[in-house]
Protein backbone atom coordinates (compact mmCIF):
# COMPACT_ATOMS: atom_id res chain seq x y z
CA UNK A 1 -18.66 -44.93 84.83
CA UNK A 2 -15.25 -44.81 84.89
CA UNK A 3 -13.04 -43.30 82.06
CA UNK A 4 -11.96 -45.86 79.43
CA UNK A 5 -10.18 -43.50 76.88
CA UNK A 6 -10.76 -45.61 73.16
CA UNK A 7 -8.56 -44.34 70.50
CA UNK A 8 -6.64 -46.07 67.68
CA UNK A 9 -3.63 -44.77 65.53
CA UNK A 10 0.00 -45.37 64.49
CA UNK A 11 2.98 -43.29 62.85
CA UNK A 12 2.38 -44.46 59.54
CA UNK A 13 -1.80 -44.08 59.77
CA UNK A 14 -2.51 -42.58 56.82
CA UNK A 15 -6.51 -41.72 57.01
CA UNK A 16 -7.67 -39.92 60.20
CA UNK A 17 -11.32 -40.72 61.73
CA UNK A 18 -12.35 -37.31 63.43
CA UNK A 19 -15.27 -38.73 65.69
CA UNK A 20 -17.07 -37.19 68.37
CA UNK A 21 -16.89 -39.58 71.72
CA UNK A 22 -17.28 -42.90 71.86
CA UNK A 23 -20.81 -44.30 72.79
CA UNK A 24 -21.87 -46.96 75.51
CA UNK A 25 -21.58 -49.52 73.27
CA UNK A 26 -17.86 -48.59 72.36
CA UNK A 27 -17.41 -47.80 75.77
CA UNK A 28 -18.51 -51.43 76.50
CA UNK A 29 -16.42 -53.25 74.40
CA UNK A 30 -13.31 -50.77 74.36
CA UNK A 31 -13.25 -51.21 70.32
CA UNK A 32 -14.48 -47.74 68.41
CA UNK A 33 -16.91 -48.21 65.95
CA UNK A 34 -17.89 -51.60 66.77
CA UNK A 35 -21.72 -51.34 66.52
CA UNK A 36 -23.88 -50.28 63.55
CA UNK A 37 -21.91 -46.60 63.05
CA UNK A 38 -19.06 -48.63 62.49
CA UNK A 39 -21.05 -50.76 60.09
CA UNK A 40 -22.21 -48.08 58.18
CA UNK A 41 -18.90 -45.93 58.15
CA UNK A 42 -16.72 -49.06 56.90
CA UNK A 43 -19.67 -49.67 54.01
CA UNK A 44 -18.87 -45.85 52.92
CA UNK A 45 -15.14 -46.25 53.14
CA UNK A 46 -15.65 -49.49 51.11
CA UNK A 47 -12.99 -51.41 53.60
CA UNK A 48 -13.50 -54.70 55.74
CA UNK A 49 -13.00 -55.01 59.67
CA UNK A 50 -9.15 -56.31 59.25
CA UNK A 51 -8.78 -52.93 57.26
CA UNK A 52 -10.46 -50.61 59.23
CA UNK A 53 -8.67 -51.66 62.31
CA UNK A 54 -5.45 -51.64 61.14
CA UNK A 55 -3.33 -48.71 62.91
CA UNK A 56 -1.10 -48.45 59.88
CA UNK A 57 -4.06 -47.78 57.69
CA UNK A 58 -6.82 -45.65 60.08
CA UNK A 59 -6.20 -43.60 62.98
CA UNK A 60 -9.44 -42.90 65.29
CA UNK A 61 -9.14 -40.07 67.06
CA UNK A 62 -12.62 -39.08 68.40
CA UNK A 63 -12.93 -35.14 70.09
CA UNK A 64 -13.21 -36.90 73.19
CA UNK A 65 -11.68 -40.64 73.94
CA UNK A 66 -14.47 -41.37 76.69
CA UNK A 67 -17.82 -42.16 77.13
CA UNK A 68 -19.28 -38.69 77.83
CA UNK A 69 -22.65 -40.03 79.54
CA UNK A 70 -26.48 -40.07 78.49
CA UNK A 71 -28.25 -36.82 78.12
CA UNK A 72 -32.11 -36.00 77.87
CA UNK A 73 -31.74 -37.00 73.77
CA UNK A 74 -28.63 -39.15 73.68
CA UNK A 75 -25.42 -38.90 74.38
CA UNK A 76 -23.51 -35.62 75.92
CA UNK A 77 -21.39 -34.13 73.78
CA UNK A 78 -17.62 -34.40 74.10
CA UNK A 79 -16.19 -32.14 76.91
CA UNK A 80 -13.97 -29.73 75.22
CA UNK A 81 -11.31 -30.37 77.90
CA UNK A 82 -10.31 -33.66 76.61
CA UNK A 83 -9.45 -32.01 73.09
CA UNK A 84 -8.03 -28.95 74.27
CA UNK A 85 -5.76 -31.06 76.52
CA UNK A 86 -5.02 -34.09 74.02
CA UNK A 87 -5.80 -33.25 70.33
CA UNK A 88 -3.04 -31.10 69.12
CA UNK A 89 -0.44 -33.51 70.49
CA UNK A 90 -2.02 -36.60 69.33
CA UNK A 91 -2.30 -35.22 65.49
CA UNK A 92 1.18 -34.28 65.83
CA UNK A 93 1.65 -37.78 66.24
CA UNK A 94 0.42 -38.60 63.07
CA UNK A 95 2.49 -36.85 60.19
CA UNK A 96 1.48 -39.53 57.26
CA UNK A 97 -2.12 -38.32 57.01
CA UNK A 98 -3.41 -38.34 53.79
CA UNK A 99 -7.28 -37.91 54.22
CA UNK A 100 -9.22 -36.19 57.38
CA UNK A 101 -12.66 -37.71 57.96
CA UNK A 102 -14.63 -35.61 59.99
CA UNK A 103 -17.60 -36.77 61.71
CA UNK A 104 -20.19 -35.01 63.17
CA UNK A 105 -20.82 -31.21 64.09
CA UNK A 106 -18.33 -31.02 67.16
CA UNK A 107 -15.61 -32.54 65.08
CA UNK A 108 -16.03 -29.94 61.96
CA UNK A 109 -16.54 -27.12 64.76
CA UNK A 110 -13.11 -28.15 66.21
CA UNK A 111 -11.28 -28.94 62.98
CA UNK A 112 -12.87 -26.15 60.75
CA UNK A 113 -13.61 -23.95 63.23
CA UNK A 114 -16.62 -23.35 61.91
CA UNK A 115 -20.62 -23.15 63.22
CA UNK A 116 -21.90 -24.08 59.67
CA UNK A 117 -24.44 -27.19 59.49
CA UNK A 118 -23.03 -30.57 58.38
CA UNK A 119 -25.47 -30.17 55.41
CA UNK A 120 -23.51 -27.22 54.33
CA UNK A 121 -20.12 -28.60 55.12
CA UNK A 122 -21.04 -31.65 53.55
CA UNK A 123 -22.11 -30.26 50.27
CA UNK A 124 -18.82 -29.01 49.88
CA UNK A 125 -17.27 -32.20 49.66
CA UNK A 126 -15.52 -31.66 46.43
CA UNK A 127 -13.16 -28.60 47.86
CA UNK A 128 -12.94 -30.43 51.05
CA UNK A 129 -11.19 -33.23 49.41
CA UNK A 130 -8.70 -31.13 47.49
CA UNK A 131 -7.95 -30.28 51.03
CA UNK A 132 -7.52 -33.89 52.12
CA UNK A 133 -10.36 -33.49 54.32
CA UNK A 134 -14.22 -34.61 54.37
CA UNK A 135 -16.95 -33.93 56.33
CA UNK A 136 -19.49 -36.28 57.39
CA UNK A 137 -22.70 -36.68 59.31
CA UNK A 138 -22.13 -39.02 61.95
CA UNK A 139 -22.59 -42.83 60.50
CA UNK A 140 -25.33 -43.69 63.41
CA UNK A 141 -28.64 -44.75 62.57
CA UNK A 142 -29.92 -41.82 64.36
CA UNK A 143 -29.00 -39.76 61.07
CA UNK A 144 -31.09 -41.71 59.04
CA UNK A 145 -33.53 -39.04 58.43
CA UNK A 146 -30.79 -36.72 57.43
CA UNK A 147 -29.46 -39.44 54.98
CA UNK A 148 -33.09 -39.86 53.30
CA UNK A 149 -33.34 -35.83 53.30
CA UNK A 150 -29.57 -35.76 51.41
CA UNK A 151 -29.70 -38.42 48.43
CA UNK A 152 -27.16 -36.43 47.29
CA UNK A 153 -24.46 -37.49 49.98
CA UNK A 154 -24.46 -41.54 49.22
CA UNK A 155 -25.34 -40.94 45.10
CA UNK A 156 -22.22 -38.80 45.36
CA UNK A 157 -20.04 -38.41 48.09
CA UNK A 158 -19.68 -42.07 48.98
CA UNK A 159 -18.39 -43.14 45.75
CA UNK A 160 -15.89 -40.35 45.47
CA UNK A 161 -14.64 -41.13 48.82
CA UNK A 162 -14.56 -45.27 48.42
CA UNK A 163 -12.48 -44.36 45.44
CA UNK A 164 -9.89 -41.86 47.22
CA UNK A 165 -9.93 -44.38 50.04
CA UNK A 166 -8.83 -47.38 47.64
CA UNK A 167 -6.40 -44.59 46.35
CA UNK A 168 -4.59 -43.92 49.69
CA UNK A 169 -4.69 -47.61 50.92
CA UNK A 170 -3.43 -49.29 47.37
CA UNK A 171 -0.56 -46.47 47.38
CA UNK A 172 1.12 -47.72 50.55
CA UNK A 173 1.65 -51.23 49.22
């Protein structure tokens, strides 16, 4: 499968979505998070498609920009060469980011230099939000069990995330 880099951002982006890598649906459509994961993520943020796909509001910069291929139990992990080569250069072009959403373990490992579980990292959302980032499980339907086993996430974290997203997006009006 030919590489098809998929990302979004502008100098004015306010919220960075640091994901893992595009899935096969995203690869085929060429639009980040235009799938069930994106529907859930937009719901978590409390934004509509127009807001989400506005690069002046949201930068979407995954750890790998292209679909990494299929593994035995889902998609392959993002190849490290992509982040090692491009991530710092791209992030330096986004000086107006007010909040970074770190989705999944690969993004958490890179951004936080931590091997702690997503559960442990996500539980510390109040402290992380003070530092302008939040760790979230990947919004994939594959994580329905995690969401069921961690009801605090949708009961506490999502409301706070929506409030912070609204505050950031309205501050630029």
